[in-house]
């Protein structure tokens, strides 16, 4: 892996310690965000693009589906696409998702999260009355 690719896909959080350095791949941050978002009550699932949908149908689980992260040296910006359950308040559920995702990423990685943007891509009405 050349230096340019390494810098694009991972972020160093600790350099030159006595043991070595720690790098976190962008995909790891996206997985943390996706799992945290789906743990919020009212979130039915993540919404991804057509490639993610096809991968899901083939039986391969994509834990970062519907998540885009931009990791820089200053902060992390997260964009989420969610499908909510019918009957839940969109503003309240979105705020809960933002808080949970921000807390999860900051606690697990030590990175600073500056934005968590939520896009409601659909509503799941299958389980409604």
N, C-alpha and C. Protein backbone atom coordinates (compact mmCIF):
# COMPACT_ATOMS: atom_id res chain seq x y z
N UNK A 1 0.86 -1.18 0.00
CA UNK A 1 0.00 0.00 0.00
C UNK A 1 0.89 1.23 0.00
N UNK A 2 0.71 2.11 -0.99
CA UNK A 2 1.55 3.30 -1.03
C UNK A 2 1.09 4.33 0.00
N UNK A 3 1.90 5.32 0.22
CA UNK A 3 1.65 6.31 1.27
C UNK A 3 0.35 7.09 1.02
N UNK A 4 0.06 7.43 -0.24
CA UNK A 4 -1.16 8.19 -0.56
C UNK A 4 -2.41 7.40 -0.21
N UNK A 5 -2.46 6.13 -0.57
CA UNK A 5 -3.61 5.29 -0.25
C UNK A 5 -3.74 5.13 1.26
N UNK A 6 -2.64 4.99 1.94
CA UNK A 6 -2.68 4.83 3.39
C UNK A 6 -3.28 6.05 4.05
N UNK A 7 -2.90 7.23 3.60
CA UNK A 7 -3.42 8.46 4.19
C UNK A 7 -4.89 8.67 3.89
N UNK A 8 -5.37 8.17 2.76
CA UNK A 8 -6.76 8.35 2.37
C UNK A 8 -7.70 7.43 3.13
N UNK A 9 -7.28 6.25 3.50
CA UNK A 9 -8.19 5.27 4.05
C UNK A 9 -8.02 5.03 5.54
N UNK A 10 -7.07 5.66 6.17
CA UNK A 10 -6.90 5.47 7.61
C UNK A 10 -6.38 6.75 8.25
N UNK A 11 -6.52 6.80 9.57
CA UNK A 11 -6.10 7.97 10.30
C UNK A 11 -5.30 7.53 11.51
N UNK A 12 -4.12 8.12 11.69
CA UNK A 12 -3.29 7.78 12.84
C UNK A 12 -3.80 8.52 14.07
N UNK A 13 -4.01 7.77 15.14
CA UNK A 13 -4.46 8.43 16.37
C UNK A 13 -3.36 8.48 17.42
N UNK A 14 -2.31 7.69 17.20
CA UNK A 14 -1.22 7.70 18.17
C UNK A 14 0.06 7.36 17.45
N UNK A 15 1.01 8.26 17.47
CA UNK A 15 2.25 8.03 16.76
C UNK A 15 3.41 7.85 17.72
N UNK A 16 4.37 7.04 17.30
CA UNK A 16 5.66 6.89 17.97
C UNK A 16 5.55 6.60 19.46
N UNK A 17 4.65 5.72 19.83
CA UNK A 17 4.63 5.29 21.22
C UNK A 17 5.75 4.28 21.39
N UNK A 18 5.90 3.78 22.57
CA UNK A 18 6.96 2.81 22.84
C UNK A 18 6.72 1.51 22.09
N UNK A 19 5.48 1.20 21.79
CA UNK A 19 5.15 -0.06 21.13
C UNK A 19 4.99 0.12 19.63
N UNK A 20 4.37 1.20 19.20
CA UNK A 20 4.11 1.42 17.78
C UNK A 20 3.05 2.48 17.60
N UNK A 21 2.43 2.48 16.41
CA UNK A 21 1.39 3.47 16.14
C UNK A 21 0.05 2.77 15.94
N UNK A 22 -1.02 3.53 16.16
CA UNK A 22 -2.38 3.02 15.99
C UNK A 22 -3.01 3.75 14.82
N UNK A 23 -3.57 3.00 13.88
CA UNK A 23 -4.27 3.59 12.75
C UNK A 23 -5.68 3.03 12.71
N UNK A 24 -6.63 3.89 12.41
CA UNK A 24 -8.03 3.47 12.30
C UNK A 24 -8.48 3.71 10.87
N UNK A 25 -8.94 2.67 10.21
CA UNK A 25 -9.44 2.80 8.84
C UNK A 25 -10.78 3.51 8.83
N UNK A 26 -11.04 4.25 7.78
CA UNK A 26 -12.32 4.95 7.63
C UNK A 26 -13.49 3.97 7.71
N UNK A 27 -13.30 2.78 7.16
CA UNK A 27 -14.35 1.75 7.17
C UNK A 27 -14.73 1.37 8.61
N UNK A 28 -13.77 1.36 9.51
CA UNK A 28 -14.05 1.05 10.92
C UNK A 28 -14.92 2.12 11.54
N UNK A 29 -14.62 3.38 11.26
CA UNK A 29 -15.43 4.49 11.77
C UNK A 29 -16.85 4.39 11.21
N UNK A 30 -16.98 4.03 9.93
CA UNK A 30 -18.29 3.88 9.31
C UNK A 30 -19.08 2.73 9.94
N UNK A 31 -18.42 1.63 10.25
CA UNK A 31 -19.09 0.50 10.88
C UNK A 31 -19.58 0.88 12.28
N UNK A 32 -18.75 1.57 13.04
CA UNK A 32 -19.15 2.03 14.38
C UNK A 32 -20.40 2.91 14.27
N UNK A 33 -20.41 3.83 13.30
CA UNK A 33 -21.55 4.73 13.12
C UNK A 33 -22.80 3.95 12.73
N UNK A 34 -22.67 2.99 11.83
CA UNK A 34 -23.82 2.21 11.39
C UNK A 34 -24.43 1.38 12.49
N UNK A 35 -23.59 0.74 13.28
CA UNK A 35 -24.09 -0.08 14.39
C UNK A 35 -24.77 0.80 15.43
N UNK A 36 -24.15 1.93 15.78
CA UNK A 36 -24.73 2.84 16.77
C UNK A 36 -26.08 3.37 16.30
N UNK A 37 -26.18 3.72 15.03
CA UNK A 37 -27.44 4.25 14.51
C UNK A 37 -28.56 3.23 14.57
N UNK A 38 -28.27 1.98 14.23
CA UNK A 38 -29.32 0.96 14.20
C UNK A 38 -29.74 0.51 15.61
N UNK A 39 -28.98 0.88 16.63
CA UNK A 39 -29.36 0.56 18.00
C UNK A 39 -30.40 1.53 18.57
N UNK A 40 -30.65 2.62 17.88
CA UNK A 40 -31.62 3.62 18.34
C UNK A 40 -33.03 3.14 18.03
N UNK A 41 -33.92 3.23 19.04
CA UNK A 41 -35.31 2.82 18.85
C UNK A 41 -35.96 3.72 17.80
N UNK A 42 -36.62 3.09 16.84
CA UNK A 42 -37.28 3.82 15.77
C UNK A 42 -36.55 3.72 14.45
N UNK A 43 -35.29 3.28 14.48
CA UNK A 43 -34.53 3.10 13.25
C UNK A 43 -34.76 1.68 12.76
N UNK A 44 -35.36 1.55 11.57
CA UNK A 44 -35.64 0.23 11.01
C UNK A 44 -34.39 -0.37 10.39
N UNK A 45 -33.66 0.44 9.61
CA UNK A 45 -32.45 -0.05 8.95
C UNK A 45 -31.69 1.13 8.36
N UNK A 46 -30.54 0.80 7.82
CA UNK A 46 -29.75 1.78 7.09
C UNK A 46 -30.16 1.67 5.62
N UNK A 47 -30.04 2.74 4.90
CA UNK A 47 -30.38 2.74 3.48
C UNK A 47 -29.11 2.95 2.69
N UNK A 48 -28.85 2.06 1.74
CA UNK A 48 -27.63 2.18 0.94
C UNK A 48 -27.93 2.36 -0.52
N UNK A 49 -26.86 2.41 -1.31
CA UNK A 49 -27.03 2.52 -2.75
C UNK A 49 -27.33 1.14 -3.34
N UNK A 50 -27.50 1.05 -4.63
CA UNK A 50 -27.88 -0.20 -5.28
C UNK A 50 -26.82 -1.28 -5.10
N UNK A 51 -25.55 -0.92 -5.09
CA UNK A 51 -24.49 -1.91 -4.88
C UNK A 51 -24.62 -2.54 -3.50
N UNK A 52 -24.85 -1.72 -2.48
CA UNK A 52 -25.03 -2.25 -1.13
C UNK A 52 -26.25 -3.14 -1.04
N UNK A 53 -27.32 -2.78 -1.74
CA UNK A 53 -28.54 -3.59 -1.72
C UNK A 53 -28.28 -4.96 -2.35
N UNK A 54 -27.54 -5.00 -3.46
CA UNK A 54 -27.22 -6.27 -4.11
C UNK A 54 -26.32 -7.13 -3.24
N UNK A 55 -25.33 -6.52 -2.60
CA UNK A 55 -24.45 -7.26 -1.70
C UNK A 55 -25.25 -7.87 -0.57
N UNK A 56 -26.21 -7.11 -0.02
CA UNK A 56 -27.07 -7.61 1.06
C UNK A 56 -27.91 -8.79 0.62
N UNK A 57 -28.42 -8.74 -0.60
CA UNK A 57 -29.24 -9.84 -1.11
C UNK A 57 -28.42 -11.11 -1.35
N UNK A 58 -27.13 -10.96 -1.59
CA UNK A 58 -26.25 -12.11 -1.79
C UNK A 58 -25.81 -12.74 -0.47
N UNK A 59 -26.26 -12.17 0.62
CA UNK A 59 -25.98 -12.75 1.93
C UNK A 59 -24.76 -12.18 2.64
N UNK A 60 -24.08 -11.25 2.03
CA UNK A 60 -22.92 -10.63 2.67
C UNK A 60 -23.40 -9.39 3.42
N UNK A 61 -23.11 -9.34 4.70
CA UNK A 61 -23.59 -8.23 5.51
C UNK A 61 -22.61 -7.06 5.41
N UNK A 62 -23.11 -5.90 5.05
CA UNK A 62 -22.30 -4.70 4.94
C UNK A 62 -22.67 -3.80 6.11
N UNK A 63 -21.83 -3.77 7.13
CA UNK A 63 -22.15 -3.02 8.35
C UNK A 63 -22.03 -1.51 8.18
N UNK A 64 -21.44 -1.07 7.09
CA UNK A 64 -21.32 0.37 6.87
C UNK A 64 -22.30 0.87 5.81
N UNK A 65 -23.29 0.06 5.48
CA UNK A 65 -24.31 0.43 4.49
C UNK A 65 -25.03 1.71 4.93
N UNK A 66 -25.16 2.66 4.03
CA UNK A 66 -25.86 3.90 4.34
C UNK A 66 -25.05 4.89 5.14
N UNK A 67 -23.74 4.65 5.25
CA UNK A 67 -22.87 5.53 6.04
C UNK A 67 -21.74 6.04 5.17
N UNK A 68 -21.50 7.34 5.23
CA UNK A 68 -20.34 7.94 4.57
C UNK A 68 -19.59 8.74 5.64
N UNK A 69 -18.30 8.51 5.74
CA UNK A 69 -17.51 9.25 6.71
C UNK A 69 -16.38 9.99 6.02
N UNK A 70 -16.07 11.15 6.56
CA UNK A 70 -14.93 11.94 6.11
C UNK A 70 -14.06 12.17 7.34
N UNK A 71 -12.94 11.45 7.40
CA UNK A 71 -12.05 11.55 8.55
C UNK A 71 -10.86 12.42 8.17
N UNK A 72 -10.68 13.50 8.91
CA UNK A 72 -9.52 14.37 8.70
C UNK A 72 -8.77 14.49 10.01
N UNK A 73 -7.68 15.22 9.99
CA UNK A 73 -6.90 15.38 11.22
C UNK A 73 -7.63 16.21 12.26
N UNK A 74 -8.57 17.07 11.81
CA UNK A 74 -9.30 17.92 12.75
C UNK A 74 -10.56 17.26 13.30
N UNK A 75 -11.32 16.59 12.44
CA UNK A 75 -12.62 16.08 12.88
C UNK A 75 -13.16 15.02 11.92
N UNK A 76 -14.23 14.39 12.37
CA UNK A 76 -14.94 13.40 11.56
C UNK A 76 -16.31 13.96 11.21
N UNK A 77 -16.69 13.82 9.95
CA UNK A 77 -18.03 14.19 9.50
C UNK A 77 -18.71 12.91 9.04
N UNK A 78 -19.90 12.64 9.57
CA UNK A 78 -20.63 11.42 9.26
C UNK A 78 -21.94 11.77 8.57
N UNK A 79 -22.22 11.09 7.46
CA UNK A 79 -23.49 11.22 6.76
C UNK A 79 -24.19 9.87 6.81
N UNK A 80 -25.43 9.86 7.31
CA UNK A 80 -26.20 8.62 7.45
C UNK A 80 -27.48 8.68 6.62
N UNK A 81 -27.84 7.56 6.02
CA UNK A 81 -29.12 7.44 5.32
C UNK A 81 -29.91 6.36 6.06
N UNK A 82 -31.06 6.74 6.64
CA UNK A 82 -31.82 5.84 7.50
C UNK A 82 -33.22 5.55 6.97
N UNK A 83 -33.71 4.38 7.33
CA UNK A 83 -35.12 4.04 7.15
C UNK A 83 -35.69 3.95 8.56
N UNK A 84 -36.73 4.76 8.85
CA UNK A 84 -37.32 4.77 10.18
C UNK A 84 -38.58 3.91 10.23
N UNK A 85 -38.92 3.47 11.43
CA UNK A 85 -40.17 2.75 11.65
C UNK A 85 -41.31 3.77 11.62
N UNK A 86 -42.45 3.37 11.08
CA UNK A 86 -43.62 4.24 11.05
C UNK A 86 -44.08 4.54 12.48
N UNK A 87 -44.46 5.79 12.73
CA UNK A 87 -45.01 6.17 14.02
C UNK A 87 -44.01 6.84 14.96
N UNK A 88 -42.75 6.83 14.63
CA UNK A 88 -41.73 7.47 15.47
C UNK A 88 -41.52 8.91 15.00
N UNK A 89 -41.24 9.78 15.95
CA UNK A 89 -40.97 11.18 15.64
C UNK A 89 -39.63 11.29 14.90
N UNK A 90 -39.67 11.86 13.72
CA UNK A 90 -38.44 12.01 12.92
C UNK A 90 -37.44 12.92 13.63
N UNK A 91 -37.84 14.10 14.12
CA UNK A 91 -36.85 14.95 14.81
C UNK A 91 -36.24 14.30 16.05
N UNK A 92 -37.07 13.66 16.88
CA UNK A 92 -36.55 13.04 18.11
C UNK A 92 -35.64 11.85 17.80
N UNK A 93 -36.05 11.02 16.86
CA UNK A 93 -35.25 9.85 16.50
C UNK A 93 -33.93 10.29 15.86
N UNK A 94 -33.99 11.29 14.99
CA UNK A 94 -32.78 11.79 14.35
C UNK A 94 -31.80 12.36 15.37
N UNK A 95 -32.30 13.10 16.34
CA UNK A 95 -31.45 13.66 17.39
C UNK A 95 -30.81 12.54 18.21
N UNK A 96 -31.58 11.51 18.52
CA UNK A 96 -31.04 10.37 19.27
C UNK A 96 -29.94 9.67 18.49
N UNK A 97 -30.15 9.53 17.18
CA UNK A 97 -29.13 8.91 16.31
C UNK A 97 -27.87 9.77 16.30
N UNK A 98 -28.03 11.07 16.15
CA UNK A 98 -26.87 11.96 16.12
C UNK A 98 -26.06 11.85 17.42
N UNK A 99 -26.76 11.88 18.55
CA UNK A 99 -26.08 11.80 19.84
C UNK A 99 -25.37 10.46 20.02
N UNK A 100 -26.06 9.36 19.67
CA UNK A 100 -25.49 8.03 19.88
C UNK A 100 -24.29 7.78 18.98
N UNK A 101 -24.38 8.20 17.72
CA UNK A 101 -23.28 8.00 16.77
C UNK A 101 -22.06 8.83 17.20
N UNK A 102 -22.28 10.09 17.55
CA UNK A 102 -21.18 10.96 18.00
C UNK A 102 -20.49 10.37 19.22
N UNK A 103 -21.26 9.95 20.21
CA UNK A 103 -20.70 9.38 21.43
C UNK A 103 -19.94 8.09 21.15
N UNK A 104 -20.50 7.22 20.33
CA UNK A 104 -19.86 5.93 20.03
C UNK A 104 -18.51 6.13 19.34
N UNK A 105 -18.47 6.98 18.33
CA UNK A 105 -17.21 7.21 17.61
C UNK A 105 -16.18 7.85 18.52
N UNK A 106 -16.58 8.86 19.27
CA UNK A 106 -15.62 9.54 20.14
C UNK A 106 -15.10 8.64 21.25
N UNK A 107 -15.98 7.82 21.84
CA UNK A 107 -15.54 6.92 22.92
C UNK A 107 -14.65 5.79 22.41
N UNK A 108 -14.96 5.24 21.25
CA UNK A 108 -14.22 4.08 20.76
C UNK A 108 -12.93 4.45 20.05
N UNK A 109 -12.87 5.63 19.43
CA UNK A 109 -11.69 5.97 18.64
C UNK A 109 -10.88 7.14 19.20
N UNK A 110 -11.50 7.99 19.99
CA UNK A 110 -10.82 9.19 20.46
C UNK A 110 -10.83 10.32 19.45
N UNK A 111 -11.45 10.09 18.29
CA UNK A 111 -11.54 11.14 17.27
C UNK A 111 -12.66 12.12 17.62
N UNK A 112 -12.53 13.36 17.17
CA UNK A 112 -13.54 14.39 17.42
C UNK A 112 -14.56 14.37 16.28
N UNK A 113 -15.84 14.24 16.61
CA UNK A 113 -16.91 14.24 15.61
C UNK A 113 -17.51 15.64 15.56
N UNK A 114 -17.41 16.29 14.40
CA UNK A 114 -17.93 17.65 14.27
C UNK A 114 -19.36 17.68 13.74
N UNK A 115 -19.72 16.69 12.89
CA UNK A 115 -21.07 16.66 12.32
C UNK A 115 -21.56 15.23 12.18
N UNK A 116 -22.85 15.05 12.45
CA UNK A 116 -23.55 13.81 12.12
C UNK A 116 -24.81 14.23 11.38
N UNK A 117 -24.77 14.07 10.06
CA UNK A 117 -25.88 14.47 9.21
C UNK A 117 -26.77 13.26 8.95
N UNK A 118 -28.08 13.43 9.16
CA UNK A 118 -29.03 12.33 9.00
C UNK A 118 -29.96 12.64 7.83
N UNK A 119 -30.10 11.67 6.94
CA UNK A 119 -31.05 11.78 5.82
C UNK A 119 -32.05 10.64 5.97
N UNK A 120 -33.32 10.98 6.03
CA UNK A 120 -34.36 9.96 6.13
C UNK A 120 -34.68 9.51 4.71
N UNK A 121 -34.34 8.26 4.40
CA UNK A 121 -34.48 7.75 3.04
C UNK A 121 -35.78 6.96 2.86
N UNK A 122 -36.46 6.65 3.98
CA UNK A 122 -37.70 5.90 3.86
C UNK A 122 -38.34 5.65 5.21
N UNK A 123 -39.54 5.10 5.15
CA UNK A 123 -40.29 4.75 6.36
C UNK A 123 -40.74 3.31 6.20
N UNK A 124 -40.49 2.49 7.20
CA UNK A 124 -40.90 1.09 7.19
C UNK A 124 -42.30 1.00 7.76
N UNK A 125 -43.26 0.58 6.93
CA UNK A 125 -44.66 0.49 7.40
C UNK A 125 -45.11 -0.94 7.57
N UNK A 126 -44.22 -1.91 7.42
CA UNK A 126 -44.59 -3.31 7.51
C UNK A 126 -45.15 -3.71 8.87
N UNK A 127 -44.60 -3.15 9.95
CA UNK A 127 -45.01 -3.54 11.30
C UNK A 127 -46.04 -2.59 11.91
N UNK A 128 -46.54 -1.63 11.12
CA UNK A 128 -47.53 -0.70 11.67
C UNK A 128 -48.87 -1.36 11.76
N UNK A 129 -49.76 -0.78 12.57
CA UNK A 129 -51.08 -1.36 12.81
C UNK A 129 -52.01 -1.20 11.64
